[in-house]
């Protein structure tokens, strides 16, 4: 299934705030959605046990992943840079949100290296195409508590920016028109199929009539 949200206006530069339709959130919750073999969640994937890091790394390095992975790490006092529960609900269906405990964050750093890991009260965005060996720091940006405090009035504004990025990323998939064709294109294909089906029903009768005339 797919959902395409379109803004139509007589004014070219009308301001609007993109949001995820409520129906997506409901479908993620029940019956549940999956893509490239991974469940799409409306709640964060919480990892405390370091042994689960391998599964996270498989998601990060999946060559067919199309969604960003927001990995939120927590320090030993329980401090977080953003509320993972709220972020997961706001990006349901369009991003993966992972909450790492301190030990799990350390295990991730051991697995992929400190340069591209995340630890303490911070968050890193792992965009599609992640490669632990060739990945560039700026392609998978990290945000610390101090960085967010300097650039955003509050954490809610920072979470809104992350949500907007996930929404933007959802329309930048290279094969989007094949994965999620526009309504007009779907209608055109359906019309052609109906026409072909009607022709297939009529053609045998025309053949029989022609045969009778020739006879």
N, C-alpha and C. Protein backbone atom coordinates (compact mmCIF):
# COMPACT_ATOMS: atom_id res chain seq x y z
N UNK A 1 0.85 -1.18 0.00
CA UNK A 1 0.00 0.00 0.00
C UNK A 1 0.89 1.24 0.00
N UNK A 2 0.32 2.35 -0.36
CA UNK A 2 1.07 3.59 -0.35
C UNK A 2 0.14 4.77 -0.19
N UNK A 3 0.64 5.84 0.35
CA UNK A 3 -0.14 7.07 0.54
C UNK A 3 0.68 8.23 0.00
N UNK A 4 0.07 9.06 -0.81
CA UNK A 4 0.73 10.24 -1.34
C UNK A 4 -0.05 11.47 -0.88
N UNK A 5 0.61 12.39 -0.22
CA UNK A 5 -0.01 13.61 0.29
C UNK A 5 0.34 14.75 -0.66
N UNK A 6 -0.68 15.41 -1.20
CA UNK A 6 -0.46 16.46 -2.19
C UNK A 6 -1.08 17.77 -1.72
N UNK A 7 -0.34 18.86 -1.92
CA UNK A 7 -0.85 20.20 -1.63
C UNK A 7 -1.16 20.88 -2.95
N UNK A 8 -2.41 21.28 -3.12
CA UNK A 8 -2.85 21.95 -4.35
C UNK A 8 -3.37 23.33 -3.99
N UNK A 9 -2.81 24.36 -4.60
CA UNK A 9 -3.20 25.73 -4.29
C UNK A 9 -3.02 26.62 -5.51
N UNK A 10 -3.85 27.68 -5.59
CA UNK A 10 -3.69 28.66 -6.66
C UNK A 10 -2.46 29.52 -6.43
N UNK A 11 -2.01 29.59 -5.19
CA UNK A 11 -0.84 30.39 -4.85
C UNK A 11 0.40 29.51 -4.85
N UNK A 12 1.42 29.91 -5.59
CA UNK A 12 2.61 29.09 -5.77
C UNK A 12 3.38 28.91 -4.47
N UNK A 13 3.57 30.01 -3.72
CA UNK A 13 4.45 29.96 -2.55
C UNK A 13 3.66 29.93 -1.24
N UNK A 14 2.50 29.29 -1.25
CA UNK A 14 1.71 29.21 -0.02
C UNK A 14 2.48 28.45 1.06
N UNK A 15 2.56 29.00 2.28
CA UNK A 15 3.28 28.28 3.35
C UNK A 15 2.45 27.12 3.88
N UNK A 16 3.10 26.00 4.15
CA UNK A 16 2.40 24.86 4.73
C UNK A 16 3.38 24.05 5.55
N UNK A 17 2.85 23.31 6.50
CA UNK A 17 3.66 22.45 7.35
C UNK A 17 3.34 21.00 7.02
N UNK A 18 4.28 20.26 6.46
CA UNK A 18 4.00 18.86 6.12
C UNK A 18 3.82 18.01 7.38
N UNK A 19 2.87 17.14 7.34
CA UNK A 19 2.62 16.24 8.47
C UNK A 19 2.32 14.85 7.91
N UNK A 20 2.39 13.86 8.77
CA UNK A 20 2.06 12.49 8.39
C UNK A 20 0.58 12.27 8.66
N UNK A 21 -0.20 11.84 7.65
CA UNK A 21 -1.63 11.62 7.87
C UNK A 21 -1.89 10.63 9.00
N UNK A 22 -2.95 10.88 9.75
CA UNK A 22 -3.29 10.04 10.89
C UNK A 22 -3.48 8.58 10.49
N UNK A 23 -3.97 8.36 9.27
CA UNK A 23 -4.22 7.00 8.83
C UNK A 23 -2.93 6.17 8.82
N UNK A 24 -1.81 6.80 8.54
CA UNK A 24 -0.54 6.08 8.54
C UNK A 24 -0.22 5.58 9.94
N UNK A 25 -0.39 6.46 10.92
CA UNK A 25 -0.13 6.09 12.31
C UNK A 25 -1.01 4.91 12.72
N UNK A 26 -2.29 4.96 12.33
CA UNK A 26 -3.21 3.88 12.69
C UNK A 26 -2.83 2.58 12.01
N UNK A 27 -2.40 2.64 10.75
CA UNK A 27 -2.02 1.42 10.05
C UNK A 27 -0.74 0.82 10.62
N UNK A 28 0.19 1.68 11.05
CA UNK A 28 1.42 1.19 11.67
C UNK A 28 1.09 0.43 12.95
N UNK A 29 0.12 0.94 13.70
CA UNK A 29 -0.27 0.28 14.95
C UNK A 29 -1.07 -1.00 14.69
N UNK A 30 -1.99 -0.95 13.73
CA UNK A 30 -2.85 -2.10 13.46
C UNK A 30 -3.36 -2.01 12.02
N UNK A 31 -3.05 -2.98 11.17
CA UNK A 31 -2.48 -4.31 11.46
C UNK A 31 -0.97 -4.33 11.53
N UNK A 32 -0.29 -3.21 11.26
CA UNK A 32 1.16 -3.18 11.24
C UNK A 32 1.68 -3.14 9.82
N UNK A 33 2.77 -2.42 9.60
CA UNK A 33 3.36 -2.30 8.28
C UNK A 33 4.81 -2.76 8.31
N UNK A 34 5.27 -3.29 7.18
CA UNK A 34 6.66 -3.71 7.04
C UNK A 34 7.18 -3.23 5.68
N UNK A 35 8.46 -2.97 5.62
CA UNK A 35 9.11 -2.66 4.36
C UNK A 35 10.53 -3.18 4.43
N UNK A 36 11.06 -3.64 3.31
CA UNK A 36 12.37 -4.30 3.21
C UNK A 36 12.65 -5.23 4.39
N UNK A 37 11.59 -5.97 4.80
CA UNK A 37 11.74 -6.99 5.84
C UNK A 37 11.81 -6.46 7.26
N UNK A 38 11.52 -5.18 7.46
CA UNK A 38 11.64 -4.56 8.78
C UNK A 38 10.29 -3.97 9.18
N UNK A 39 9.91 -4.17 10.43
CA UNK A 39 8.66 -3.61 10.93
C UNK A 39 8.78 -2.09 11.06
N UNK A 40 7.74 -1.39 10.65
CA UNK A 40 7.67 0.06 10.84
C UNK A 40 6.91 0.31 12.14
N UNK A 41 7.49 1.08 13.04
CA UNK A 41 6.96 1.20 14.39
C UNK A 41 6.45 2.61 14.67
N UNK A 42 5.53 2.69 15.64
CA UNK A 42 5.09 3.98 16.17
C UNK A 42 5.66 4.21 17.56
N UNK A 43 6.55 3.30 17.98
CA UNK A 43 7.24 3.46 19.26
C UNK A 43 8.72 3.16 19.03
N UNK A 44 9.58 3.68 19.86
CA UNK A 44 11.02 3.44 19.63
C UNK A 44 11.42 2.00 19.89
N UNK A 45 12.43 1.57 19.19
CA UNK A 45 13.05 0.28 19.42
C UNK A 45 14.10 0.50 20.51
N UNK A 46 13.83 0.01 21.70
CA UNK A 46 14.71 0.23 22.83
C UNK A 46 15.72 -0.91 22.94
N UNK A 47 16.99 -0.56 22.95
CA UNK A 47 18.06 -1.56 23.03
C UNK A 47 18.90 -1.29 24.28
N UNK A 48 18.89 -2.22 25.19
CA UNK A 48 19.70 -2.14 26.40
C UNK A 48 20.82 -3.19 26.38
N UNK A 49 20.50 -4.35 25.82
CA UNK A 49 21.44 -5.46 25.79
C UNK A 49 22.42 -5.30 24.62
N UNK A 50 23.71 -5.24 24.88
CA UNK A 50 24.69 -5.11 23.79
C UNK A 50 24.60 -6.20 22.73
N UNK A 51 24.05 -7.37 23.09
CA UNK A 51 23.96 -8.46 22.12
C UNK A 51 22.98 -8.15 20.99
N UNK A 52 22.11 -7.14 21.17
CA UNK A 52 21.14 -6.79 20.14
C UNK A 52 21.71 -5.81 19.12
N UNK A 53 22.92 -5.34 19.34
CA UNK A 53 23.50 -4.34 18.45
C UNK A 53 23.70 -4.88 17.04
N UNK A 54 24.02 -6.15 16.92
CA UNK A 54 24.22 -6.73 15.59
C UNK A 54 22.98 -6.55 14.72
N UNK A 55 21.81 -6.71 15.30
CA UNK A 55 20.56 -6.53 14.55
C UNK A 55 20.40 -5.08 14.10
N UNK A 56 20.79 -4.15 14.97
CA UNK A 56 20.73 -2.73 14.60
C UNK A 56 21.70 -2.44 13.46
N UNK A 57 22.89 -2.98 13.52
CA UNK A 57 23.89 -2.74 12.48
C UNK A 57 23.40 -3.29 11.14
N UNK A 58 22.72 -4.42 11.16
CA UNK A 58 22.15 -4.97 9.92
C UNK A 58 21.15 -3.99 9.30
N UNK A 59 20.35 -3.34 10.14
CA UNK A 59 19.41 -2.34 9.64
C UNK A 59 20.16 -1.13 9.09
N UNK A 60 21.16 -0.65 9.83
CA UNK A 60 21.90 0.53 9.39
C UNK A 60 22.58 0.30 8.05
N UNK A 61 23.13 -0.89 7.84
CA UNK A 61 23.91 -1.17 6.63
C UNK A 61 23.09 -1.84 5.52
N UNK A 62 21.79 -1.98 5.72
CA UNK A 62 20.96 -2.60 4.69
C UNK A 62 21.02 -1.78 3.40
N UNK A 63 21.38 -2.39 2.28
CA UNK A 63 21.48 -1.64 1.03
C UNK A 63 20.13 -1.24 0.46
N UNK A 64 19.04 -1.81 0.97
CA UNK A 64 17.72 -1.47 0.45
C UNK A 64 16.92 -0.59 1.41
N UNK A 65 17.55 -0.17 2.49
CA UNK A 65 16.85 0.73 3.42
C UNK A 65 16.62 2.09 2.77
N UNK A 66 15.41 2.62 2.91
CA UNK A 66 15.08 3.92 2.32
C UNK A 66 14.75 4.98 3.37
N UNK A 67 14.66 4.58 4.64
CA UNK A 67 14.27 5.52 5.69
C UNK A 67 15.46 5.86 6.58
N UNK A 68 15.47 7.09 7.13
CA UNK A 68 16.52 7.42 8.10
C UNK A 68 16.32 6.65 9.40
N UNK A 69 17.42 6.39 10.08
CA UNK A 69 17.37 5.77 11.41
C UNK A 69 17.86 6.80 12.41
N UNK A 70 16.98 7.22 13.31
CA UNK A 70 17.34 8.16 14.36
C UNK A 70 17.72 7.36 15.60
N UNK A 71 19.00 7.35 15.93
CA UNK A 71 19.48 6.61 17.10
C UNK A 71 19.70 7.60 18.24
N UNK A 72 18.89 7.47 19.28
CA UNK A 72 18.94 8.36 20.44
C UNK A 72 19.65 7.62 21.56
N UNK A 73 20.75 8.17 22.04
CA UNK A 73 21.49 7.52 23.12
C UNK A 73 21.21 8.21 24.45
N UNK A 74 21.27 7.43 25.51
CA UNK A 74 20.98 7.90 26.86
C UNK A 74 22.22 7.72 27.73
N UNK A 75 22.50 8.71 28.57
CA UNK A 75 23.65 8.56 29.46
C UNK A 75 23.23 7.79 30.71
N UNK A 76 24.17 7.53 31.60
CA UNK A 76 23.89 6.67 32.76
C UNK A 76 22.99 7.33 33.79
N UNK A 77 22.80 8.64 33.69
CA UNK A 77 21.85 9.31 34.59
C UNK A 77 20.45 9.36 33.99
N UNK A 78 20.29 8.81 32.78
CA UNK A 78 18.97 8.76 32.16
C UNK A 78 18.65 9.95 31.28
N UNK A 79 19.62 10.84 31.04
CA UNK A 79 19.37 12.03 30.24
C UNK A 79 19.27 11.69 28.76
N UNK A 80 18.31 12.33 28.10
CA UNK A 80 18.10 12.15 26.67
C UNK A 80 18.04 13.52 26.00
N UNK A 81 18.46 13.59 24.74
CA UNK A 81 18.43 14.86 24.02
C UNK A 81 17.05 15.16 23.45
N UNK A 82 16.27 14.11 23.20
CA UNK A 82 14.93 14.24 22.66
C UNK A 82 14.11 13.06 23.14
N UNK A 83 12.81 13.25 23.25
CA UNK A 83 11.94 12.17 23.72
C UNK A 83 11.74 11.17 22.59
N UNK A 84 12.30 9.97 22.69
CA UNK A 84 12.17 8.99 21.61
C UNK A 84 10.73 8.54 21.36
N UNK A 85 9.92 8.49 22.41
CA UNK A 85 8.53 8.08 22.25
C UNK A 85 7.79 9.06 21.35
N UNK A 86 7.95 10.35 21.63
CA UNK A 86 7.28 11.37 20.84
C UNK A 86 7.80 11.39 19.41
N UNK A 87 9.13 11.27 19.24
CA UNK A 87 9.72 11.29 17.91
C UNK A 87 9.25 10.10 17.08
N UNK A 88 9.14 8.92 17.70
CA UNK A 88 8.69 7.73 16.98
C UNK A 88 7.24 7.89 16.53
N UNK A 89 6.40 8.50 17.35
CA UNK A 89 5.01 8.71 16.96
C UNK A 89 4.90 9.72 15.84
N UNK A 90 5.72 10.77 15.90
CA UNK A 90 5.65 11.83 14.88
C UNK A 90 6.21 11.38 13.54
N UNK A 91 7.07 10.37 13.54
CA UNK A 91 7.69 9.90 12.29
C UNK A 91 7.25 8.48 11.94
N UNK A 92 6.14 8.03 12.52
CA UNK A 92 5.68 6.65 12.29
C UNK A 92 5.53 6.37 10.80
N UNK A 93 6.17 5.30 10.36
CA UNK A 93 6.10 4.90 8.97
C UNK A 93 7.16 5.52 8.08
N UNK A 94 7.79 6.60 8.54
CA UNK A 94 8.76 7.31 7.70
C UNK A 94 10.18 7.28 8.24
N UNK A 95 10.37 6.82 9.45
CA UNK A 95 11.71 6.75 10.04
C UNK A 95 11.73 5.64 11.08
N UNK A 96 12.93 5.15 11.36
CA UNK A 96 13.14 4.20 12.45
C UNK A 96 13.75 4.97 13.62
N UNK A 97 13.17 4.85 14.80
CA UNK A 97 13.68 5.51 16.00
C UNK A 97 14.18 4.45 16.96
N UNK A 98 15.44 4.57 17.36
CA UNK A 98 16.08 3.59 18.24
C UNK A 98 16.59 4.32 19.48
N UNK A 99 16.30 3.78 20.65
CA UNK A 99 16.82 4.32 21.90
C UNK A 99 17.88 3.36 22.44
N UNK A 100 19.08 3.89 22.66
CA UNK A 100 20.19 3.07 23.14
C UNK A 100 20.50 3.38 24.60
N UNK A 101 20.62 2.30 25.39
CA UNK A 101 21.15 2.46 26.73
C UNK A 101 22.66 2.61 26.68
N UNK A 102 23.31 3.02 27.77
CA UNK A 102 24.76 3.28 27.77
C UNK A 102 25.60 2.08 27.32
N UNK A 103 25.27 0.89 27.81
CA UNK A 103 26.05 -0.29 27.42
C UNK A 103 25.87 -0.62 25.94
N UNK A 104 24.64 -0.46 25.45
CA UNK A 104 24.38 -0.73 24.04
C UNK A 104 25.09 0.30 23.16
N UNK A 105 25.13 1.55 23.61
CA UNK A 105 25.83 2.58 22.84
C UNK A 105 27.32 2.27 22.76
N UNK A 106 27.88 1.79 23.84
CA UNK A 106 29.30 1.40 23.84
C UNK A 106 29.53 0.24 22.87
N UNK A 107 28.61 -0.73 22.85
CA UNK A 107 28.75 -1.86 21.95
C UNK A 107 28.65 -1.42 20.49
N UNK A 108 27.79 -0.44 20.20
CA UNK A 108 27.69 0.08 18.84
C UNK A 108 28.99 0.76 18.43
N UNK A 109 29.57 1.51 19.33
CA UNK A 109 30.85 2.17 19.05
C UNK A 109 31.95 1.14 18.78
N UNK A 110 31.95 0.06 19.54
CA UNK A 110 32.93 -1.01 19.31
C UNK A 110 32.74 -1.67 17.95
N UNK A 111 31.48 -1.75 17.52
CA UNK A 111 31.16 -2.45 16.27
C UNK A 111 31.47 -1.61 15.03
N UNK A 112 31.08 -0.34 15.04
CA UNK A 112 31.22 0.48 13.82
C UNK A 112 32.29 1.57 13.94
N UNK A 113 32.90 1.69 15.14
CA UNK A 113 33.92 2.71 15.33
C UNK A 113 33.37 3.98 15.94
N UNK A 114 34.19 4.65 16.70
CA UNK A 114 33.75 5.85 17.40
C UNK A 114 33.38 7.00 16.49
N UNK A 115 33.97 7.07 15.30
CA UNK A 115 33.74 8.20 14.40
C UNK A 115 32.29 8.31 13.96
N UNK A 116 31.59 7.19 13.83
CA UNK A 116 30.21 7.20 13.36
C UNK A 116 29.24 6.64 14.40
N UNK A 117 29.67 6.58 15.66
CA UNK A 117 28.80 6.05 16.70
C UNK A 117 28.06 7.20 17.38
N UNK A 118 27.31 6.88 18.41
CA UNK A 118 26.56 7.88 19.16
C UNK A 118 26.54 7.43 20.62
N UNK A 119 26.75 8.36 21.53
CA UNK A 119 26.79 8.01 22.95
C UNK A 119 26.52 9.25 23.77
N UNK A 120 26.21 9.03 25.07
CA UNK A 120 25.82 10.16 25.92
C UNK A 120 24.46 10.67 25.48
N UNK A 121 24.00 11.81 26.03
CA UNK A 121 22.72 12.37 25.59
C UNK A 121 22.85 13.03 24.22
N UNK A 122 22.73 12.26 23.17
CA UNK A 122 22.87 12.78 21.81
C UNK A 122 22.04 11.94 20.85
N UNK A 123 22.03 12.34 19.59
CA UNK A 123 21.27 11.61 18.58
C UNK A 123 22.04 11.68 17.26
N UNK A 124 22.07 10.58 16.55
CA UNK A 124 22.70 10.57 15.22
C UNK A 124 21.68 10.08 14.20
N UNK A 125 21.69 10.73 13.07
CA UNK A 125 20.84 10.33 11.95
C UNK A 125 21.66 9.48 10.99
N UNK A 126 21.28 8.22 10.87
CA UNK A 126 21.93 7.32 9.91
C UNK A 126 21.06 7.29 8.65
N UNK A 127 21.50 8.00 7.64
CA UNK A 127 20.74 8.05 6.40
C UNK A 127 20.95 6.78 5.59
N UNK A 128 20.08 6.49 4.62
CA UNK A 128 20.26 5.31 3.76
C UNK A 128 21.63 5.33 3.09
N UNK A 129 22.19 4.14 2.87
CA UNK A 129 23.50 4.03 2.26
C UNK A 129 24.64 4.05 3.25
N UNK A 130 24.35 3.81 4.53
CA UNK A 130 25.39 3.85 5.55
C UNK A 130 26.42 2.74 5.34
N UNK A 131 27.69 3.11 5.48
CA UNK A 131 28.80 2.16 5.37
C UNK A 131 29.78 2.50 6.49
N UNK A 132 29.97 1.57 7.40
CA UNK A 132 30.84 1.86 8.56
C UNK A 132 32.28 2.18 8.16
N UNK A 133 32.71 1.71 6.98
CA UNK A 133 34.09 1.92 6.56
C UNK A 133 34.26 3.17 5.70
N UNK A 134 33.28 3.42 4.83
CA UNK A 134 33.41 4.55 3.90
C UNK A 134 32.46 5.69 4.21
N UNK A 135 31.60 5.52 5.22
CA UNK A 135 30.62 6.56 5.55
C UNK A 135 31.28 7.85 6.00
N UNK A 136 30.76 8.97 5.52
CA UNK A 136 31.29 10.27 5.89
C UNK A 136 30.48 10.85 7.04
N UNK A 137 31.16 11.49 7.94
CA UNK A 137 30.54 12.02 9.16
C UNK A 137 29.38 12.94 8.84
N UNK A 138 29.56 13.82 7.83
CA UNK A 138 28.52 14.80 7.52
C UNK A 138 27.29 14.18 6.86
N UNK A 139 27.42 12.97 6.32
CA UNK A 139 26.27 12.30 5.73
C UNK A 139 25.40 11.63 6.78
N UNK A 140 25.93 11.44 7.96
CA UNK A 140 25.20 10.81 9.06
C UNK A 140 25.42 11.67 10.31
N UNK A 141 24.80 12.86 10.33
CA UNK A 141 25.12 13.87 11.35
C UNK A 141 24.71 13.49 12.76
N UNK A 142 25.49 13.96 13.70
CA UNK A 142 25.20 13.75 15.11
C UNK A 142 24.86 15.10 15.75
N UNK A 143 23.97 15.08 16.72
CA UNK A 143 23.58 16.30 17.44
C UNK A 143 23.76 16.04 18.93
N UNK A 144 24.52 16.91 19.58
CA UNK A 144 24.72 16.81 21.02
C UNK A 144 23.77 17.78 21.73
N UNK A 145 23.70 17.64 23.03
CA UNK A 145 22.83 18.51 23.82
C UNK A 145 23.24 19.97 23.65
N UNK A 146 24.55 20.25 23.64
CA UNK A 146 25.03 21.61 23.50
C UNK A 146 24.71 22.17 22.11
N UNK A 147 24.84 21.33 21.07
CA UNK A 147 24.57 21.77 19.71
C UNK A 147 23.10 22.15 19.55
N UNK A 148 22.21 21.34 20.10
CA UNK A 148 20.77 21.62 20.01
C UNK A 148 20.43 22.89 20.77
N UNK A 149 21.02 23.08 21.95
CA UNK A 149 20.72 24.26 22.76
C UNK A 149 21.13 25.55 22.05
N UNK A 150 22.18 25.51 21.25
CA UNK A 150 22.64 26.70 20.54
C UNK A 150 21.76 27.04 19.33
N UNK A 151 21.06 26.08 18.78
CA UNK A 151 20.39 26.29 17.50
C UNK A 151 18.86 26.23 17.57
N UNK A 152 18.30 25.71 18.65
CA UNK A 152 16.85 25.56 18.72
C UNK A 152 16.33 26.15 20.04
N UNK A 153 15.13 26.76 20.00
CA UNK A 153 14.58 27.35 21.23
C UNK A 153 14.23 26.30 22.28
N UNK A 154 13.91 25.08 21.82
CA UNK A 154 13.56 24.00 22.75
C UNK A 154 13.69 22.66 22.02
N UNK A 155 13.53 21.59 22.75
CA UNK A 155 13.68 20.25 22.17
C UNK A 155 12.54 19.92 21.22
N UNK A 156 11.35 20.50 21.48
CA UNK A 156 10.22 20.25 20.59
C UNK A 156 10.51 20.78 19.19
N UNK A 157 11.16 21.93 19.09
CA UNK A 157 11.50 22.49 17.79
C UNK A 157 12.52 21.61 17.07
N UNK A 158 13.44 21.04 17.83
CA UNK A 158 14.43 20.13 17.25
C UNK A 158 13.74 18.87 16.72
N UNK A 159 12.80 18.33 17.50
CA UNK A 159 12.06 17.15 17.06
C UNK A 159 11.23 17.45 15.82
N UNK A 160 10.69 18.66 15.74
CA UNK A 160 9.92 19.06 14.56
C UNK A 160 10.82 19.09 13.32
N UNK A 161 12.06 19.54 13.49
CA UNK A 161 13.00 19.55 12.37
C UNK A 161 13.30 18.13 11.90
N UNK A 162 13.51 17.21 12.83
CA UNK A 162 13.77 15.82 12.46
C UNK A 162 12.58 15.21 11.74
N UNK A 163 11.37 15.55 12.19
CA UNK A 163 10.17 15.06 11.53
C UNK A 163 10.09 15.58 10.11
N UNK A 164 10.35 16.87 9.93
CA UNK A 164 10.31 17.46 8.59
C UNK A 164 11.33 16.81 7.67
N UNK A 165 12.50 16.49 8.21
CA UNK A 165 13.52 15.82 7.40
C UNK A 165 13.07 14.44 6.95
N UNK A 166 12.42 13.70 7.84
CA UNK A 166 11.93 12.36 7.48
C UNK A 166 10.86 12.45 6.41
N UNK A 167 10.00 13.45 6.51
CA UNK A 167 8.96 13.64 5.51
C UNK A 167 9.58 13.99 4.17
N UNK A 168 10.56 14.89 4.17
CA UNK A 168 11.23 15.27 2.93
C UNK A 168 11.94 14.08 2.30
N UNK A 169 12.59 13.27 3.14
CA UNK A 169 13.31 12.10 2.63
C UNK A 169 12.37 11.11 1.96
N UNK A 170 11.12 11.07 2.41
CA UNK A 170 10.17 10.09 1.86
C UNK A 170 9.80 10.38 0.41
N UNK A 171 10.03 11.61 -0.07
CA UNK A 171 9.71 11.94 -1.47
C UNK A 171 10.98 12.09 -2.30
N UNK A 172 12.12 11.71 -1.74
CA UNK A 172 13.38 11.81 -2.46
C UNK A 172 13.95 10.44 -2.82
N UNK A 173 13.14 9.38 -2.66
CA UNK A 173 13.58 8.03 -3.02
C UNK A 173 13.74 7.96 -4.54
N UNK A 174 14.87 7.46 -5.05
CA UNK A 174 15.12 7.45 -6.49
C UNK A 174 14.02 6.81 -7.33
N UNK A 175 13.46 5.67 -6.88
CA UNK A 175 12.45 4.97 -7.67
C UNK A 175 11.05 5.22 -7.12
N UNK A 176 10.81 6.43 -6.60
CA UNK A 176 9.53 6.73 -5.95
C UNK A 176 8.36 6.55 -6.90
N UNK A 177 8.50 6.99 -8.16
CA UNK A 177 7.38 6.90 -9.09
C UNK A 177 7.00 5.45 -9.39
N UNK A 178 7.96 4.54 -9.27
CA UNK A 178 7.65 3.12 -9.45
C UNK A 178 7.07 2.52 -8.18
N UNK A 179 7.62 2.92 -7.04
CA UNK A 179 7.15 2.39 -5.77
C UNK A 179 5.79 2.96 -5.40
N UNK A 180 5.58 4.23 -5.72
CA UNK A 180 4.35 4.92 -5.32
C UNK A 180 3.90 5.85 -6.45
N UNK A 181 3.28 5.30 -7.48
CA UNK A 181 2.86 6.13 -8.62
C UNK A 181 1.79 7.13 -8.23
N UNK A 182 1.73 8.24 -8.95
CA UNK A 182 0.73 9.27 -8.70
C UNK A 182 -0.66 8.74 -9.02
N UNK A 183 -1.68 9.37 -8.43
CA UNK A 183 -3.06 8.91 -8.62
C UNK A 183 -3.45 8.94 -10.09
N UNK A 184 -3.06 10.01 -10.81
CA UNK A 184 -3.41 10.12 -12.23
C UNK A 184 -2.81 8.96 -13.03
N UNK A 185 -1.60 8.55 -12.66
CA UNK A 185 -0.96 7.44 -13.37
C UNK A 185 -1.68 6.13 -13.06
N UNK A 186 -2.07 5.93 -11.81
CA UNK A 186 -2.82 4.73 -11.44
C UNK A 186 -4.15 4.69 -12.18
N UNK A 187 -4.85 5.82 -12.22
CA UNK A 187 -6.14 5.88 -12.91
C UNK A 187 -5.98 5.57 -14.40
N UNK A 188 -4.90 6.07 -15.01
CA UNK A 188 -4.65 5.80 -16.43
C UNK A 188 -4.44 4.31 -16.68
N UNK A 189 -3.66 3.67 -15.80
CA UNK A 189 -3.40 2.23 -15.95
C UNK A 189 -4.69 1.44 -15.78
N UNK A 190 -5.50 1.81 -14.80
CA UNK A 190 -6.76 1.10 -14.57
C UNK A 190 -7.71 1.27 -15.76
N UNK A 191 -7.75 2.46 -16.32
CA UNK A 191 -8.61 2.71 -17.48
C UNK A 191 -8.18 1.84 -18.66
N UNK A 192 -6.87 1.74 -18.86
CA UNK A 192 -6.36 0.92 -19.95
C UNK A 192 -6.70 -0.55 -19.73
N UNK A 193 -6.60 -1.01 -18.48
CA UNK A 193 -6.92 -2.41 -18.20
C UNK A 193 -8.40 -2.69 -18.45
N UNK A 194 -9.27 -1.74 -18.06
CA UNK A 194 -10.70 -1.93 -18.31
C UNK A 194 -10.99 -1.98 -19.80
N UNK A 195 -10.34 -1.09 -20.55
CA UNK A 195 -10.53 -1.06 -22.00
C UNK A 195 -10.04 -2.36 -22.63
N UNK A 196 -8.90 -2.83 -22.20
CA UNK A 196 -8.36 -4.10 -22.74
C UNK A 196 -9.29 -5.26 -22.41
N UNK A 197 -9.84 -5.25 -21.18
CA UNK A 197 -10.75 -6.33 -20.79
C UNK A 197 -12.02 -6.28 -21.62
N UNK A 198 -12.54 -5.07 -21.88
CA UNK A 198 -13.75 -4.94 -22.69
C UNK A 198 -13.50 -5.41 -24.12
N UNK A 199 -12.34 -5.07 -24.65
CA UNK A 199 -12.00 -5.52 -26.00
C UNK A 199 -11.88 -7.05 -26.07
N UNK A 200 -11.31 -7.63 -25.02
CA UNK A 200 -11.15 -9.09 -24.98
C UNK A 200 -12.50 -9.80 -24.96
N UNK A 201 -13.51 -9.17 -24.31
CA UNK A 201 -14.84 -9.78 -24.26
C UNK A 201 -15.55 -9.67 -25.60
N UNK A 202 -15.35 -8.54 -26.29
CA UNK A 202 -16.06 -8.30 -27.54
C UNK A 202 -15.43 -9.04 -28.71
N UNK A 203 -14.10 -9.18 -28.70
CA UNK A 203 -13.38 -9.75 -29.84
C UNK A 203 -13.87 -11.14 -30.24
N UNK A 204 -14.10 -12.10 -29.33
CA UNK A 204 -14.59 -13.43 -29.75
C UNK A 204 -15.91 -13.36 -30.51
N UNK A 205 -16.82 -12.45 -30.08
CA UNK A 205 -18.09 -12.31 -30.77
C UNK A 205 -17.89 -11.78 -32.18
N UNK A 206 -16.98 -10.82 -32.35
CA UNK A 206 -16.70 -10.28 -33.67
C UNK A 206 -16.11 -11.35 -34.58
N UNK A 207 -15.27 -12.20 -34.01
CA UNK A 207 -14.68 -13.27 -34.80
C UNK A 207 -15.76 -14.24 -35.27
N UNK A 208 -16.70 -14.58 -34.36
CA UNK A 208 -17.77 -15.52 -34.73
C UNK A 208 -18.69 -14.91 -35.80
N UNK A 209 -18.98 -13.60 -35.65
CA UNK A 209 -19.83 -12.94 -36.65
C UNK A 209 -19.14 -12.92 -37.99
N UNK A 210 -17.84 -12.60 -37.99
CA UNK A 210 -17.08 -12.58 -39.25
C UNK A 210 -17.04 -13.94 -39.90
N UNK A 211 -16.88 -14.96 -39.08
CA UNK A 211 -16.84 -16.32 -39.62
C UNK A 211 -18.17 -16.68 -40.24
N UNK A 212 -19.28 -16.24 -39.58
CA UNK A 212 -20.59 -16.54 -40.12
C UNK A 212 -20.83 -15.85 -41.45
N UNK A 213 -20.35 -14.62 -41.56
CA UNK A 213 -20.53 -13.87 -42.82
C UNK A 213 -19.77 -14.54 -43.94
N UNK A 214 -18.54 -14.93 -43.66
CA UNK A 214 -17.73 -15.60 -44.68
C UNK A 214 -18.34 -16.92 -45.09
N UNK A 215 -19.00 -17.57 -44.14
CA UNK A 215 -19.59 -18.84 -44.49
C UNK A 215 -20.79 -18.65 -45.42
